[in-house]
C-alpha atoms as a PDB file:
ATOM      1  CA  MET A   1      -6.986  -2.654  -4.276  1.00  0.00           C
ATOM      2  CA  ASN A   2     -10.184  -1.693  -6.069  1.00  0.00           C
ATOM      3  CA  GLU A   3     -11.633  -0.238  -2.887  1.00  0.00           C
ATOM      4  CA  LEU A   4      -8.473   1.772  -2.309  1.00  0.00           C
ATOM      5  CA  LYS A   5      -8.613   3.101  -5.888  1.00  0.00           C
ATOM      6  CA  ASP A   6     -12.131   4.401  -5.367  1.00  0.00           C
ATOM      7  CA  THR A   7     -11.679   5.929  -1.923  1.00  0.00           C
ATOM      8  CA  VAL A   8      -9.424   8.416  -0.191  1.00  0.00           C
ATOM      9  CA  SER A   9      -6.687  10.224  -2.089  1.00  0.00           C
ATOM     10  CA  PHE A  10      -3.242  10.431  -0.583  1.00  0.00           C
ATOM     11  CA  TYR A  11       0.377  11.265  -1.335  1.00  0.00           C
ATOM     12  CA  LYS A  12       1.813   8.912  -4.001  1.00  0.00           C
ATOM     13  CA  LYS A  13      -1.396   6.853  -4.192  1.00  0.00           C
ATOM     14  CA  ASP A  14      -1.087   6.185  -7.945  1.00  0.00           C
ATOM     15  CA  GLU A  15       2.531   5.076  -7.641  1.00  0.00           C
ATOM     16  CA  PHE A  16       1.661   2.783  -4.752  1.00  0.00           C
ATOM     17  CA  LEU A  17      -1.261   1.180  -6.606  1.00  0.00           C
ATOM     18  CA  GLU A  18       0.837   0.667  -9.751  1.00  0.00           C
ATOM     19  CA  LYS A  19       3.624  -1.050  -7.833  1.00  0.00           C
ATOM     20  CA  VAL A  20       1.244  -3.274  -5.875  1.00  0.00           C
ATOM     21  CA  ALA A  21      -0.580  -4.282  -9.082  1.00  0.00           C
ATOM     22  CA  ALA A  22       2.716  -5.134 -10.806  1.00  0.00           C
ATOM     23  CA  PHE A  23       3.851  -7.123  -7.770  1.00  0.00           C
ATOM     24  CA  ASN A  24       0.557  -9.018  -7.744  1.00  0.00           C
ATOM     25  CA  VAL A  25       0.953 -10.024 -11.405  1.00  0.00           C
ATOM     26  CA  ILE A  26       4.463 -11.348 -10.758  1.00  0.00           C
ATOM     27  CA  ARG A  27       3.303 -13.114  -7.594  1.00  0.00           C
ATOM     28  CA  ASN A  28       0.481 -14.850  -9.469  1.00  0.00           C
ATOM     29  CA  GLU A  29       2.822 -15.894 -12.281  1.00  0.00           C
ATOM     30  CA  ALA A  30       5.355 -17.288  -9.808  1.00  0.00           C
ATOM     31  CA  ILE A  31       2.724 -19.330  -7.989  1.00  0.00           C
ATOM     32  CA  HIS A  32       1.289 -20.765 -11.209  1.00  0.00           C
ATOM     33  CA  LYS A  33       4.721 -21.629 -12.620  1.00  0.00           C
ATOM     34  CA  MET A  34       6.013 -23.322  -9.460  1.00  0.00           C
ATOM     35  CA  ARG A  35       5.000 -26.780 -10.595  1.00  0.00           C
ATOM     36  CA  LYS A  36       6.560 -26.335 -14.018  1.00  0.00           C
ATOM     37  CA  SER A  37       9.782 -24.545 -13.050  1.00  0.00           C
ATOM     38  CA  ASN A  38      13.046 -25.728 -11.624  1.00  0.00           C
ATOM     39  CA  LEU A  39      14.341 -24.626  -8.238  1.00  0.00           C
ATOM     40  CA  ASP A  40      16.846 -22.124  -9.659  1.00  0.00           C
ATOM     41  CA  GLU A  41      14.177 -20.358 -11.687  1.00  0.00           C
ATOM     42  CA  ILE A  42      11.825 -20.215  -8.696  1.00  0.00           C
ATOM     43  CA  SER A  43      14.615 -18.876  -6.460  1.00  0.00           C
ATOM     44  CA  GLY A  44      15.383 -16.122  -8.973  1.00  0.00           C
ATOM     45  CA  ARG A  45      11.741 -15.101  -9.172  1.00  0.00           C
ATOM     46  CA  LEU A  46      11.391 -15.068  -5.407  1.00  0.00           C
ATOM     47  CA  ARG A  47      14.508 -12.915  -4.993  1.00  0.00           C
ATOM     48  CA  TYR A  48      13.095 -10.479  -7.546  1.00  0.00           C
ATOM     49  CA  MET A  49       9.749 -10.472  -5.729  1.00  0.00           C
ATOM     50  CA  LYS A  50      11.548  -9.693  -2.459  1.00  0.00           C
ATOM     51  CA  VAL A  51      13.188  -6.643  -4.050  1.00  0.00           C
ATOM     52  CA  LEU A  52       9.811  -5.465  -5.361  1.00  0.00           C
ATOM     53  CA  PHE A  53       8.168  -6.070  -1.991  1.00  0.00           C
ATOM     54  CA  ASP A  54      10.882  -4.113  -0.179  1.00  0.00           C
ATOM     55  CA  ASN A  55      10.413  -1.262  -2.655  1.00  0.00           C
ATOM     56  CA  ILE A  56       6.645  -1.256  -2.014  1.00  0.00           C
ATOM     57  CA  PHE A  57       7.210  -1.336   1.743  1.00  0.00           C
ATOM     58  CA  GLU A  58       9.562   1.676   1.557  1.00  0.00           C
ATOM     59  CA  LEU A  59       6.935   3.566  -0.425  1.00  0.00           C
ATOM     60  CA  TYR A  60       4.250   2.551   2.089  1.00  0.00           C
ATOM     61  CA  ASP A  61       6.467   3.813   4.905  1.00  0.00           C
ATOM     62  CA  GLU A  62       6.876   7.146   3.107  1.00  0.00           C
ATOM     63  CA  ILE A  63       3.094   7.392   2.610  1.00  0.00           C
ATOM     64  CA  GLN A  64       2.478   6.553   6.266  1.00  0.00           C
ATOM     65  CA  ASP A  65       4.944   9.261   7.342  1.00  0.00           C
ATOM     66  CA  ASP A  66       3.012  11.758   5.220  1.00  0.00           C
ATOM     67  CA  PHE A  67      -0.234  10.723   6.965  1.00  0.00           C
ATOM     68  CA  ARG A  68       1.412  11.202  10.353  1.00  0.00           C
ATOM     69  CA  ILE A  69       2.618  14.682   9.422  1.00  0.00           C
ATOM     70  CA  THR A  70      -0.735  15.638   7.925  1.00  0.00           C
ATOM     71  CA  PHE A  71      -2.815  14.476  10.890  1.00  0.00           C
ATOM     72  CA  HIS A  72      -0.386  14.945  13.782  1.00  0.00           C
ATOM     73  CA  SER A  73      -2.405  17.735  15.379  1.00  0.00           C
ATOM     74  CA  PHE A  74      -5.854  16.560  14.381  1.00  0.00           C
ATOM     75  CA  ARG A  75      -8.051  16.104  17.437  1.00  0.00           C
ATOM     76  CA  LYS A  76     -10.525  13.256  17.605  1.00  0.00           C
ATOM     77  CA  ASP A  77     -14.151  14.371  17.398  1.00  0.00           C
ATOM     78  CA  VAL A  78     -13.245  18.007  16.771  1.00  0.00           C
ATOM     79  CA  PHE A  79     -16.479  18.419  14.841  1.00  0.00           C
ATOM     80  CA  PHE A  80     -18.523  17.413  17.868  1.00  0.00           C
ATOM     81  CA  ASP A  81     -16.475  19.613  20.199  1.00  0.00           C
ATOM     82  CA  GLU A  82     -17.214  22.686  18.104  1.00  0.00           C
ATOM     83  CA  TYR A  83     -20.605  21.884  16.630  1.00  0.00           C
ATOM     84  CA  GLY A  84     -22.098  19.277  18.949  1.00  0.00           C
ATOM     85  CA  PRO A  85     -25.562  19.391  20.553  1.00  0.00           C
ATOM     86  CA  GLU A  86     -24.466  21.426  23.584  1.00  0.00           C
ATOM     87  CA  ASN A  87     -23.257  24.262  21.315  1.00  0.00           C
ATOM     88  CA  GLU A  88     -26.451  24.625  19.303  1.00  0.00           C
END
């Protein structure tokens, strides 16, 4: 996540990073409490984590759609086609 924070900007990046960080905290807590919790408590946490994960995945899907729209007509190596050695 730290690398993603410090690199490319994209649509809803901050929201995505916030949700993933929150999910990670809950995931870590659930793992550490597994030995001390009863099965009902663990099941409740896991159901909650599934809802959060699904929410993150929907957001990711929305972000990915935005990337597709943004780059749908981008040609690979366009820089070299227009400014490459043979055009100098």
